[in-house]
């Protein structure tokens, strides 16, 4: 559970450089409730405090729930980061595998007759 909050912190830290408006989507309702309500959780307090400190850097920063089936691109990126030996940033182009997954997240899986 803590790994997802760390990923949110890292994403927000990166976004502060060029993205004034962000929306963080997660399939972990427990985390989103803690973030949106500014609740305390002893085990996750460090990550939550980091998130709360980063939010004012944005004009708009929203946290919303998405079903796991609609968040396959996040899963792909998390696995890629886990196994990658280098740091990767894709400001304008991205790996072809990720492009097809992003398309499916936005539009749903291809229709089969």
PDB file of N, CA and C in Angstrom:
ATOM      1  N   UNK A   1       0.814  -1.203   0.000  1.00  0.00           N
ATOM      2  CA  UNK A   1       0.000   0.000   0.000  1.00  0.00           C
ATOM      3  C   UNK A   1       0.851   1.258   0.000  1.00  0.00           C
ATOM      4  N   UNK A   2       1.947   1.231   0.722  1.00  0.00           N
ATOM      5  CA  UNK A   2       2.797   2.400   0.823  1.00  0.00           C
ATOM      6  C   UNK A   2       3.446   2.731  -0.520  1.00  0.00           C
ATOM      7  N   UNK A   3       3.715   1.734  -1.331  1.00  0.00           N
ATOM      8  CA  UNK A   3       4.373   1.960  -2.620  1.00  0.00           C
ATOM      9  C   UNK A   3       3.543   2.868  -3.517  1.00  0.00           C
ATOM     10  N   UNK A   4       2.228   2.717  -3.488  1.00  0.00           N
ATOM     11  CA  UNK A   4       1.393   3.579  -4.327  1.00  0.00           C
ATOM     12  C   UNK A   4       1.470   5.037  -3.873  1.00  0.00           C
ATOM     13  N   UNK A   5       1.504   5.282  -2.577  1.00  0.00           N
ATOM     14  CA  UNK A   5       1.653   6.654  -2.085  1.00  0.00           C
ATOM     15  C   UNK A   5       3.019   7.228  -2.465  1.00  0.00           C
ATOM     16  N   UNK A   6       4.052   6.416  -2.412  1.00  0.00           N
ATOM     17  CA  UNK A   6       5.377   6.872  -2.825  1.00  0.00           C
ATOM     18  C   UNK A   6       5.344   7.242  -4.307  1.00  0.00           C
ATOM     19  N   UNK A   7       4.655   6.448  -5.118  1.00  0.00           N
ATOM     20  CA  UNK A   7       4.524   6.754  -6.544  1.00  0.00           C
ATOM     21  C   UNK A   7       3.782   8.071  -6.755  1.00  0.00           C
ATOM     22  N   UNK A   8       2.759   8.330  -5.960  1.00  0.00           N
ATOM     23  CA  UNK A   8       2.032   9.606  -6.058  1.00  0.00           C
ATOM     24  C   UNK A   8       2.952  10.756  -5.703  1.00  0.00           C
ATOM     25  N   UNK A   9       3.736  10.614  -4.650  1.00  0.00           N
ATOM     26  CA  UNK A   9       4.687  11.661  -4.255  1.00  0.00           C
ATOM     27  C   UNK A   9       5.671  11.931  -5.383  1.00  0.00           C
ATOM     28  N   UNK A  10       6.265  10.876  -5.943  1.00  0.00           N
ATOM     29  CA  UNK A  10       7.244  11.039  -7.023  1.00  0.00           C
ATOM     30  C   UNK A  10       6.603  11.699  -8.251  1.00  0.00           C
ATOM     31  N   UNK A  11       5.392  11.285  -8.586  1.00  0.00           N
ATOM     32  CA  UNK A  11       4.693  11.888  -9.716  1.00  0.00           C
ATOM     33  C   UNK A  11       4.414  13.366  -9.494  1.00  0.00           C
ATOM     34  N   UNK A  12       3.983  13.721  -8.298  1.00  0.00           N
ATOM     35  CA  UNK A  12       3.723  15.132  -7.988  1.00  0.00           C
ATOM     36  C   UNK A  12       5.020  15.938  -8.011  1.00  0.00           C
ATOM     37  N   UNK A  13       6.094  15.361  -7.482  1.00  0.00           N
ATOM     38  CA  UNK A  13       7.380  16.063  -7.508  1.00  0.00           C
ATOM     39  C   UNK A  13       7.797  16.347  -8.943  1.00  0.00           C
ATOM     40  N   UNK A  14       7.661  15.382  -9.815  1.00  0.00           N
ATOM     41  CA  UNK A  14       8.009  15.574 -11.217  1.00  0.00           C
ATOM     42  C   UNK A  14       7.097  16.607 -11.871  1.00  0.00           C
ATOM     43  N   UNK A  15       5.809  16.541 -11.588  1.00  0.00           N
ATOM     44  CA  UNK A  15       4.832  17.429 -12.222  1.00  0.00           C
ATOM     45  C   UNK A  15       5.018  18.890 -11.824  1.00  0.00           C
ATOM     46  N   UNK A  16       5.614  19.161 -10.668  1.00  0.00           N
ATOM     47  CA  UNK A  16       5.780  20.556 -10.236  1.00  0.00           C
ATOM     48  C   UNK A  16       6.636  21.346 -11.199  1.00  0.00           C
ATOM     49  N   UNK A  17       7.450  20.698 -12.016  1.00  0.00           N
ATOM     50  CA  UNK A  17       8.330  21.413 -12.932  1.00  0.00           C
ATOM     51  C   UNK A  17       7.593  22.046 -14.101  1.00  0.00           C
ATOM     52  N   UNK A  18       6.586  21.376 -14.653  1.00  0.00           N
ATOM     53  CA  UNK A  18       5.963  21.864 -15.887  1.00  0.00           C
ATOM     54  C   UNK A  18       4.450  21.762 -15.967  1.00  0.00           C
ATOM     55  N   UNK A  19       3.818  21.242 -14.960  1.00  0.00           N
ATOM     56  CA  UNK A  19       2.384  20.962 -15.077  1.00  0.00           C
ATOM     57  C   UNK A  19       1.609  21.639 -13.951  1.00  0.00           C
ATOM     58  N   UNK A  20       0.987  22.796 -14.236  1.00  0.00           N
ATOM     59  CA  UNK A  20       0.279  23.518 -13.176  1.00  0.00           C
ATOM     60  C   UNK A  20      -1.039  22.867 -12.761  1.00  0.00           C
ATOM     61  N   UNK A  21      -1.597  22.023 -13.632  1.00  0.00           N
ATOM     62  CA  UNK A  21      -2.867  21.354 -13.350  1.00  0.00           C
ATOM     63  C   UNK A  21      -2.660  19.850 -13.458  1.00  0.00           C
ATOM     64  N   UNK A  22      -2.924  19.137 -12.384  1.00  0.00           N
ATOM     65  CA  UNK A  22      -2.752  17.685 -12.411  1.00  0.00           C
ATOM     66  C   UNK A  22      -3.977  16.991 -11.837  1.00  0.00           C
ATOM     67  N   UNK A  23      -4.198  15.790 -12.336  1.00  0.00           N
ATOM     68  CA  UNK A  23      -5.215  14.917 -11.756  1.00  0.00           C
ATOM     69  C   UNK A  23      -4.568  13.569 -11.525  1.00  0.00           C
ATOM     70  N   UNK A  24      -4.566  13.135 -10.293  1.00  0.00           N
ATOM     71  CA  UNK A  24      -3.988  11.856  -9.909  1.00  0.00           C
ATOM     72  C   UNK A  24      -5.135  10.857  -9.800  1.00  0.00           C
ATOM     73  N   UNK A  25      -5.040   9.794 -10.565  1.00  0.00           N
ATOM     74  CA  UNK A  25      -6.045   8.743 -10.504  1.00  0.00           C
ATOM     75  C   UNK A  25      -5.445   7.525  -9.831  1.00  0.00           C
ATOM     76  N   UNK A  26      -6.233   6.896  -8.989  1.00  0.00           N
ATOM     77  CA  UNK A  26      -5.778   5.713  -8.273  1.00  0.00           C
ATOM     78  C   UNK A  26      -6.943   4.754  -8.115  1.00  0.00           C
ATOM     79  N   UNK A  27      -6.609   3.471  -8.034  1.00  0.00           N
ATOM     80  CA  UNK A  27      -7.649   2.480  -7.766  1.00  0.00           C
ATOM     81  C   UNK A  27      -7.648   2.078  -6.294  1.00  0.00           C
ATOM     82  N   UNK A  28      -6.970   2.864  -5.469  1.00  0.00           N
ATOM     83  CA  UNK A  28      -6.934   2.586  -4.029  1.00  0.00           C
ATOM     84  C   UNK A  28      -7.785   3.628  -3.302  1.00  0.00           C
ATOM     85  N   UNK A  29      -9.034   3.287  -3.066  1.00  0.00           N
ATOM     86  CA  UNK A  29      -9.971   4.220  -2.428  1.00  0.00           C
ATOM     87  C   UNK A  29      -9.518   4.635  -1.034  1.00  0.00           C
ATOM     88  N   UNK A  30      -8.858   3.747  -0.317  1.00  0.00           N
ATOM     89  CA  UNK A  30      -8.390   4.059   1.035  1.00  0.00           C
ATOM     90  C   UNK A  30      -7.401   5.221   0.992  1.00  0.00           C
ATOM     91  N   UNK A  31      -6.444   5.159   0.075  1.00  0.00           N
ATOM     92  CA  UNK A  31      -5.472   6.251  -0.053  1.00  0.00           C
ATOM     93  C   UNK A  31      -6.146   7.558  -0.433  1.00  0.00           C
ATOM     94  N   UNK A  32      -7.052   7.483  -1.387  1.00  0.00           N
ATOM     95  CA  UNK A  32      -7.724   8.702  -1.835  1.00  0.00           C
ATOM     96  C   UNK A  32      -8.539   9.334  -0.720  1.00  0.00           C
ATOM     97  N   UNK A  33      -9.181   8.521   0.085  1.00  0.00           N
ATOM     98  CA  UNK A  33      -9.924   9.057   1.233  1.00  0.00           C
ATOM     99  C   UNK A  33      -8.987   9.755   2.206  1.00  0.00           C
ATOM    100  N   UNK A  34      -7.841   9.149   2.471  1.00  0.00           N
ATOM    101  CA  UNK A  34      -6.870   9.770   3.374  1.00  0.00           C
ATOM    102  C   UNK A  34      -6.365  11.094   2.802  1.00  0.00           C
ATOM    103  N   UNK A  35      -6.068  11.118   1.508  1.00  0.00           N
ATOM    104  CA  UNK A  35      -5.549  12.333   0.873  1.00  0.00           C
ATOM    105  C   UNK A  35      -6.619  13.415   0.835  1.00  0.00           C
ATOM    106  N   UNK A  36      -7.798  13.075   0.351  1.00  0.00           N
ATOM    107  CA  UNK A  36      -8.848  14.087   0.175  1.00  0.00           C
ATOM    108  C   UNK A  36      -9.383  14.626   1.492  1.00  0.00           C
ATOM    109  N   UNK A  37      -9.351  13.825   2.538  1.00  0.00           N
ATOM    110  CA  UNK A  37      -9.863  14.262   3.843  1.00  0.00           C
ATOM    111  C   UNK A  37      -8.768  14.804   4.748  1.00  0.00           C
ATOM    112  N   UNK A  38      -7.533  14.760   4.254  1.00  0.00           N
ATOM    113  CA  UNK A  38      -6.364  15.149   5.048  1.00  0.00           C
ATOM    114  C   UNK A  38      -6.367  14.424   6.389  1.00  0.00           C
ATOM    115  N   UNK A  39      -6.665  13.146   6.314  1.00  0.00           N
ATOM    116  CA  UNK A  39      -6.700  12.309   7.513  1.00  0.00           C
ATOM    117  C   UNK A  39      -5.299  11.834   7.856  1.00  0.00           C
ATOM    118  N   UNK A  40      -5.136  11.426   9.055  1.00  0.00           N
ATOM    119  CA  UNK A  40      -3.848  10.917   9.514  1.00  0.00           C
ATOM    120  C   UNK A  40      -3.868   9.400   9.519  1.00  0.00           C
ATOM    121  N   UNK A  41      -2.738   8.851   9.176  1.00  0.00           N
ATOM    122  CA  UNK A  41      -2.547   7.414   9.263  1.00  0.00           C
ATOM    123  C   UNK A  41      -1.114   7.206   9.718  1.00  0.00           C
ATOM    124  N   UNK A  42      -0.959   6.679  10.907  1.00  0.00           N
ATOM    125  CA  UNK A  42       0.373   6.560  11.499  1.00  0.00           C
ATOM    126  C   UNK A  42       1.363   5.872  10.568  1.00  0.00           C
ATOM    127  N   UNK A  43       0.947   4.787   9.925  1.00  0.00           N
ATOM    128  CA  UNK A  43       1.856   4.029   9.066  1.00  0.00           C
ATOM    129  C   UNK A  43       2.206   4.773   7.782  1.00  0.00           C
ATOM    130  N   UNK A  44       1.342   5.663   7.319  1.00  0.00           N
ATOM    131  CA  UNK A  44       1.545   6.343   6.040  1.00  0.00           C
ATOM    132  C   UNK A  44       1.762   7.843   6.204  1.00  0.00           C
ATOM    133  N   UNK A  45       1.982   8.290   7.414  1.00  0.00           N
ATOM    134  CA  UNK A  45       2.024   9.723   7.694  1.00  0.00           C
ATOM    135  C   UNK A  45       3.091  10.458   6.887  1.00  0.00           C
ATOM    136  N   UNK A  46       4.266   9.901   6.744  1.00  0.00           N
ATOM    137  CA  UNK A  46       5.342  10.582   6.029  1.00  0.00           C
ATOM    138  C   UNK A  46       4.942  10.869   4.579  1.00  0.00           C
ATOM    139  N   UNK A  47       4.419   9.871   3.883  1.00  0.00           N
ATOM    140  CA  UNK A  47       4.010  10.053   2.492  1.00  0.00           C
ATOM    141  C   UNK A  47       2.841  11.023   2.378  1.00  0.00           C
ATOM    142  N   UNK A  48       1.867  10.909   3.277  1.00  0.00           N
ATOM    143  CA  UNK A  48       0.722  11.826   3.240  1.00  0.00           C
ATOM    144  C   UNK A  48       1.171  13.266   3.458  1.00  0.00           C
ATOM    145  N   UNK A  49       2.074  13.497   4.388  1.00  0.00           N
ATOM    146  CA  UNK A  49       2.568  14.855   4.633  1.00  0.00           C
ATOM    147  C   UNK A  49       3.304  15.402   3.408  1.00  0.00           C
ATOM    148  N   UNK A  50       4.053  14.556   2.718  1.00  0.00           N
ATOM    149  CA  UNK A  50       4.724  14.992   1.499  1.00  0.00           C
ATOM    150  C   UNK A  50       3.704  15.405   0.439  1.00  0.00           C
ATOM    151  N   UNK A  51       2.641  14.641   0.297  1.00  0.00           N
ATOM    152  CA  UNK A  51       1.589  14.969  -0.671  1.00  0.00           C
ATOM    153  C   UNK A  51       0.939  16.297  -0.299  1.00  0.00           C
ATOM    154  N   UNK A  52       0.593  16.471   0.974  1.00  0.00           N
ATOM    155  CA  UNK A  52      -0.049  17.714   1.413  1.00  0.00           C
ATOM    156  C   UNK A  52       0.849  18.924   1.160  1.00  0.00           C
ATOM    157  N   UNK A  53       2.164  18.765   1.299  1.00  0.00           N
ATOM    158  CA  UNK A  53       3.094  19.876   1.049  1.00  0.00           C
ATOM    159  C   UNK A  53       3.237  20.187  -0.437  1.00  0.00           C
ATOM    160  N   UNK A  54       3.048  19.200  -1.310  1.00  0.00           N
ATOM    161  CA  UNK A  54       3.199  19.412  -2.744  1.00  0.00           C
ATOM    162  C   UNK A  54       1.962  20.028  -3.400  1.00  0.00           C
ATOM    163  N   UNK A  55       0.785  19.759  -2.872  1.00  0.00           N
ATOM    164  CA  UNK A  55      -0.461  20.220  -3.498  1.00  0.00           C
ATOM    165  C   UNK A  55      -0.484  21.734  -3.748  1.00  0.00           C
ATOM    166  N   UNK A  56      -0.031  22.592  -2.829  1.00  0.00           N
ATOM    167  CA  UNK A  56      -0.089  24.040  -3.084  1.00  0.00           C
ATOM    168  C   UNK A  56       0.770  24.520  -4.257  1.00  0.00           C
ATOM    169  N   UNK A  57       1.658  23.690  -4.774  1.00  0.00           N
ATOM    170  CA  UNK A  57       2.475  24.079  -5.918  1.00  0.00           C
ATOM    171  C   UNK A  57       1.681  24.091  -7.223  1.00  0.00           C
ATOM    172  N   UNK A  58       0.473  23.572  -7.206  1.00  0.00           N
ATOM    173  CA  UNK A  58      -0.331  23.458  -8.416  1.00  0.00           C
ATOM    174  C   UNK A  58      -1.503  24.434  -8.393  1.00  0.00           C
ATOM    175  N   UNK A  59      -1.880  24.896  -9.578  1.00  0.00           N
ATOM    176  CA  UNK A  59      -3.092  25.700  -9.704  1.00  0.00           C
ATOM    177  C   UNK A  59      -4.291  24.819  -9.379  1.00  0.00           C
ATOM    178  N   UNK A  60      -4.255  23.600  -9.911  1.00  0.00           N
ATOM    179  CA  UNK A  60      -5.316  22.630  -9.665  1.00  0.00           C
ATOM    180  C   UNK A  60      -4.675  21.266  -9.455  1.00  0.00           C
ATOM    181  N   UNK A  61      -5.087  20.587  -8.401  1.00  0.00           N
ATOM    182  CA  UNK A  61      -4.570  19.247  -8.103  1.00  0.00           C
ATOM    183  C   UNK A  61      -5.726  18.418  -7.558  1.00  0.00           C
ATOM    184  N   UNK A  62      -6.168  17.448  -8.365  1.00  0.00           N
ATOM    185  CA  UNK A  62      -7.305  16.616  -7.985  1.00  0.00           C
ATOM    186  C   UNK A  62      -6.857  15.171  -7.810  1.00  0.00           C
ATOM    187  N   UNK A  63      -7.513  14.503  -6.888  1.00  0.00           N
ATOM    188  CA  UNK A  63      -7.261  13.087  -6.642  1.00  0.00           C
ATOM    189  C   UNK A  63      -8.580  12.357  -6.844  1.00  0.00           C
ATOM    190  N   UNK A  64      -8.603  11.402  -7.765  1.00  0.00           N
ATOM    191  CA  UNK A  64      -9.867  10.729  -8.040  1.00  0.00           C
ATOM    192  C   UNK A  64      -9.669   9.220  -8.199  1.00  0.00           C
ATOM    193  N   UNK A  65     -10.752   8.526  -7.938  1.00  0.00           N
ATOM    194  CA  UNK A  65     -10.765   7.065  -8.014  1.00  0.00           C
ATOM    195  C   UNK A  65     -11.007   6.624  -9.447  1.00  0.00           C
ATOM    196  N   UNK A  66     -10.317   5.579  -9.844  1.00  0.00           N
ATOM    197  CA  UNK A  66     -10.596   4.925 -11.116  1.00  0.00           C
ATOM    198  C   UNK A  66     -10.505   3.423 -10.890  1.00  0.00           C
ATOM    199  N   UNK A  67     -11.335   2.689 -11.575  1.00  0.00           N
ATOM    200  CA  UNK A  67     -11.303   1.244 -11.433  1.00  0.00           C
ATOM    201  C   UNK A  67     -10.004   0.689 -12.013  1.00  0.00           C
ATOM    202  N   UNK A  68      -9.523  -0.364 -11.451  1.00  0.00           N
ATOM    203  CA  UNK A  68      -8.267  -0.991 -11.890  1.00  0.00           C
ATOM    204  C   UNK A  68      -8.294  -1.300 -13.384  1.00  0.00           C
ATOM    205  N   UNK A  69      -9.441  -1.694 -13.903  1.00  0.00           N
ATOM    206  CA  UNK A  69      -9.548  -2.031 -15.321  1.00  0.00           C
ATOM    207  C   UNK A  69      -9.296  -0.821 -16.219  1.00  0.00           C
ATOM    208  N   UNK A  70      -9.445   0.381 -15.688  1.00  0.00           N
ATOM    209  CA  UNK A  70      -9.239   1.614 -16.461  1.00  0.00           C
ATOM    210  C   UNK A  70      -7.886   2.238 -16.155  1.00  0.00           C
ATOM    211  N   UNK A  71      -7.034   1.530 -15.466  1.00  0.00           N
ATOM    212  CA  UNK A  71      -5.769   2.103 -15.016  1.00  0.00           C
ATOM    213  C   UNK A  71      -4.596   1.174 -15.354  1.00  0.00           C
ATOM    214  N   UNK A  72      -4.698   0.516 -16.490  1.00  0.00           N
ATOM    215  CA  UNK A  72      -3.650  -0.419 -16.879  1.00  0.00           C
ATOM    216  C   UNK A  72      -2.356   0.285 -17.240  1.00  0.00           C
ATOM    217  N   UNK A  73      -2.443   1.519 -17.718  1.00  0.00           N
ATOM    218  CA  UNK A  73      -1.222   2.249 -18.059  1.00  0.00           C
ATOM    219  C   UNK A  73      -0.392   2.523 -16.810  1.00  0.00           C
ATOM    220  N   UNK A  74      -1.032   2.855 -15.704  1.00  0.00           N
ATOM    221  CA  UNK A  74      -0.293   3.078 -14.459  1.00  0.00           C
ATOM    222  C   UNK A  74       0.382   1.792 -14.003  1.00  0.00           C
ATOM    223  N   UNK A  75      -0.309   0.694 -14.158  1.00  0.00           N
ATOM    224  CA  UNK A  75       0.262  -0.608 -13.793  1.00  0.00           C
ATOM    225  C   UNK A  75       1.483  -0.915 -14.664  1.00  0.00           C
ATOM    226  N   UNK A  76       1.372  -0.632 -15.979  1.00  0.00           N
ATOM    227  CA  UNK A  76       2.482  -0.883 -16.890  1.00  0.00           C
ATOM    228  C   UNK A  76       3.696  -0.034 -16.507  1.00  0.00           C
ATOM    229  N   UNK A  77       3.468   1.260 -16.242  1.00  0.00           N
ATOM    230  CA  UNK A  77       4.570   2.161 -15.887  1.00  0.00           C
ATOM    231  C   UNK A  77       5.213   1.731 -14.567  1.00  0.00           C
ATOM    232  N   UNK A  78       4.395   1.346 -13.602  1.00  0.00           N
ATOM    233  CA  UNK A  78       4.939   0.912 -12.311  1.00  0.00           C
ATOM    234  C   UNK A  78       5.820  -0.324 -12.487  1.00  0.00           C
ATOM    235  N   UNK A  79       5.368  -1.278 -13.282  1.00  0.00           N
ATOM    236  CA  UNK A  79       6.181  -2.470 -13.531  1.00  0.00           C
ATOM    237  C   UNK A  79       7.440  -2.136 -14.326  1.00  0.00           C
ATOM    238  N   UNK A  80       7.312  -1.261 -15.292  1.00  0.00           N
ATOM    239  CA  UNK A  80       8.471  -0.839 -16.079  1.00  0.00           C
ATOM    240  C   UNK A  80       9.517  -0.190 -15.165  1.00  0.00           C
ATOM    241  N   UNK A  81       9.066   0.688 -14.291  1.00  0.00           N
ATOM    242  CA  UNK A  81       9.982   1.368 -13.367  1.00  0.00           C
ATOM    243  C   UNK A  81      10.627   0.374 -12.413  1.00  0.00           C
ATOM    244  N   UNK A  82       9.870  -0.599 -12.021  1.00  0.00           N
ATOM    245  CA  UNK A  82      10.383  -1.596 -11.075  1.00  0.00           C
ATOM    246  C   UNK A  82      11.540  -2.398 -11.667  1.00  0.00           C
ATOM    247  N   UNK A  83      11.450  -2.720 -12.949  1.00  0.00           N
ATOM    248  CA  UNK A  83      12.452  -3.568 -13.575  1.00  0.00           C
ATOM    249  C   UNK A  83      13.493  -2.810 -14.391  1.00  0.00           C
ATOM    250  N   UNK A  84      13.255  -1.535 -14.646  1.00  0.00           N
ATOM    251  CA  UNK A  84      14.185  -0.738 -15.442  1.00  0.00           C
ATOM    252  C   UNK A  84      15.438  -0.408 -14.634  1.00  0.00           C
ATOM    253  N   UNK A  85      16.546  -0.374 -15.300  1.00  0.00           N
ATOM    254  CA  UNK A  85      17.815  -0.051 -14.649  1.00  0.00           C
ATOM    255  C   UNK A  85      18.144   1.442 -14.776  1.00  0.00           C
ATOM    256  N   UNK A  86      17.347   2.183 -15.547  1.00  0.00           N
ATOM    257  CA  UNK A  86      17.616   3.600 -15.765  1.00  0.00           C
ATOM    258  C   UNK A  86      16.381   4.426 -15.432  1.00  0.00           C
ATOM    259  N   UNK A  87      16.585   5.726 -15.276  1.00  0.00           N
ATOM    260  CA  UNK A  87      15.474   6.654 -15.089  1.00  0.00           C
ATOM    261  C   UNK A  87      14.998   7.089 -16.465  1.00  0.00           C
ATOM    262  N   UNK A  88      13.704   7.042 -16.693  1.00  0.00           N
ATOM    263  CA  UNK A  88      13.142   7.392 -18.002  1.00  0.00           C
ATOM    264  C   UNK A  88      12.115   8.496 -17.858  1.00  0.00           C
ATOM    265  N   UNK A  89      12.171   9.446 -18.774  1.00  0.00           N
ATOM    266  CA  UNK A  89      11.179  10.509 -18.861  1.00  0.00           C
ATOM    267  C   UNK A  89      10.737  10.567 -20.320  1.00  0.00           C
ATOM    268  N   UNK A  90       9.428  10.549 -20.549  1.00  0.00           N
ATOM    269  CA  UNK A  90       8.900  10.584 -21.905  1.00  0.00           C
ATOM    270  C   UNK A  90       8.037  11.834 -22.073  1.00  0.00           C
ATOM    271  N   UNK A  91       8.644  13.004 -22.312  1.00  0.00           N
ATOM    272  CA  UNK A  91       7.856  14.232 -22.408  1.00  0.00           C
ATOM    273  C   UNK A  91       6.958  14.293 -23.645  1.00  0.00           C
ATOM    274  N   UNK A  92       7.396  13.723 -24.775  1.00  0.00           N
ATOM    275  CA  UNK A  92       6.565  13.825 -25.975  1.00  0.00           C
ATOM    276  C   UNK A  92       6.361  12.481 -26.666  1.00  0.00           C
ATOM    277  N   UNK A  93       7.311  11.588 -26.590  1.00  0.00           N
ATOM    278  CA  UNK A  93       7.138  10.268 -27.179  1.00  0.00           C
ATOM    279  C   UNK A  93       7.206   9.233 -26.067  1.00  0.00           C
ATOM    280  N   UNK A  94       6.567   8.120 -26.279  1.00  0.00           N
ATOM    281  CA  UNK A  94       6.538   7.077 -25.258  1.00  0.00           C
ATOM    282  C   UNK A  94       6.698   5.730 -25.952  1.00  0.00           C
ATOM    283  N   UNK A  95       7.025   4.711 -25.202  1.00  0.00           N
ATOM    284  CA  UNK A  95       7.165   3.380 -25.801  1.00  0.00           C
ATOM    285  C   UNK A  95       5.872   2.936 -26.481  1.00  0.00           C
ATOM    286  N   UNK A  96       5.975   2.275 -27.623  1.00  0.00           N
ATOM    287  CA  UNK A  96       4.766   1.833 -28.341  1.00  0.00           C
ATOM    288  C   UNK A  96       3.838   0.976 -27.481  1.00  0.00           C
ATOM    289  N   UNK A  97       4.421   0.137 -26.624  1.00  0.00           N
ATOM    290  CA  UNK A  97       3.574  -0.715 -25.778  1.00  0.00           C
ATOM    291  C   UNK A  97       2.685   0.132 -24.873  1.00  0.00           C
ATOM    292  N   UNK A  98       3.251   1.220 -24.357  1.00  0.00           N
ATOM    293  CA  UNK A  98       2.485   2.096 -23.474  1.00  0.00           C
ATOM    294  C   UNK A  98       1.414   2.851 -24.250  1.00  0.00           C
ATOM    295  N   UNK A  99       1.712   3.247 -25.478  1.00  0.00           N
ATOM    296  CA  UNK A  99       0.733   3.978 -26.294  1.00  0.00           C
ATOM    297  C   UNK A  99      -0.544   3.177 -26.492  1.00  0.00           C
ATOM    298  N   UNK A 100      -0.406   1.893 -26.784  1.00  0.00           N
ATOM    299  CA  UNK A 100      -1.611   1.073 -27.001  1.00  0.00           C
ATOM    300  C   UNK A 100      -2.392   0.888 -25.699  1.00  0.00           C
ATOM    301  N   UNK A 101      -1.691   0.779 -24.585  1.00  0.00           N
ATOM    302  CA  UNK A 101      -2.373   0.631 -23.296  1.00  0.00           C
ATOM    303  C   UNK A 101      -3.085   1.921 -22.923  1.00  0.00           C
ATOM    304  N   UNK A 102      -2.445   3.070 -23.160  1.00  0.00           N
ATOM    305  CA  UNK A 102      -3.099   4.358 -22.896  1.00  0.00           C
ATOM    306  C   UNK A 102      -4.362   4.505 -23.735  1.00  0.00           C
ATOM    307  N   UNK A 103      -4.290   4.095 -24.994  1.00  0.00           N
ATOM    308  CA  UNK A 103      -5.459   4.168 -25.861  1.00  0.00           C
ATOM    309  C   UNK A 103      -6.598   3.321 -25.292  1.00  0.00           C
ATOM    310  N   UNK A 104      -6.275   2.121 -24.839  1.00  0.00           N
ATOM    311  CA  UNK A 104      -7.306   1.256 -24.268  1.00  0.00           C
ATOM    312  C   UNK A 104      -7.869   1.830 -22.973  1.00  0.00           C
ATOM    313  N   UNK A 105      -7.017   2.454 -22.149  1.00  0.00           N
ATOM    314  CA  UNK A 105      -7.509   3.081 -20.913  1.00  0.00           C
ATOM    315  C   UNK A 105      -8.491   4.205 -21.231  1.00  0.00           C
ATOM    316  N   UNK A 106      -8.209   4.943 -22.293  1.00  0.00           N
ATOM    317  CA  UNK A 106      -9.082   6.069 -22.660  1.00  0.00           C
ATOM    318  C   UNK A 106     -10.358   5.626 -23.367  1.00  0.00           C
ATOM    319  N   UNK A 107     -10.249   4.628 -24.249  1.00  0.00           N
ATOM    320  CA  UNK A 107     -11.365   4.276 -25.129  1.00  0.00           C
ATOM    321  C   UNK A 107     -11.946   2.893 -24.902  1.00  0.00           C
ATOM    322  N   UNK A 108     -11.352   2.128 -24.007  1.00  0.00           N
ATOM    323  CA  UNK A 108     -11.810   0.770 -23.785  1.00  0.00           C
ATOM    324  C   UNK A 108     -11.102  -0.187 -24.721  1.00  0.00           C
ATOM    325  N   UNK A 109     -11.226  -1.483 -24.456  1.00  0.00           N
ATOM    326  CA  UNK A 109     -10.544  -2.472 -25.312  1.00  0.00           C
ATOM    327  C   UNK A 109     -11.149  -2.478 -26.703  1.00  0.00           C
ATOM    328  N   UNK A 110     -10.388  -2.962 -27.692  1.00  0.00           N
ATOM    329  CA  UNK A 110     -10.912  -3.016 -29.060  1.00  0.00           C
ATOM    330  C   UNK A 110     -12.179  -3.873 -29.118  1.00  0.00           C
ATOM    331  N   UNK A 111     -13.096  -3.451 -29.965  1.00  0.00           N
ATOM    332  CA  UNK A 111     -14.350  -4.174 -30.140  1.00  0.00           C
ATOM    333  C   UNK A 111     -14.112  -5.412 -30.983  1.00  0.00           C
ATOM    334  N   UNK A 112     -14.576  -6.556 -30.506  1.00  0.00           N
ATOM    335  CA  UNK A 112     -14.420  -7.807 -31.248  1.00  0.00           C
ATOM    336  C   UNK A 112     -15.794  -8.259 -31.727  1.00  0.00           C
ATOM    337  N   UNK A 113     -15.904  -8.535 -33.012  1.00  0.00           N
ATOM    338  CA  UNK A 113     -17.193  -8.978 -33.586  1.00  0.00           C
ATOM    339  C   UNK A 113     -17.443 -10.424 -33.306  1.00  0.00           C
TER     340      UNK A 113
END
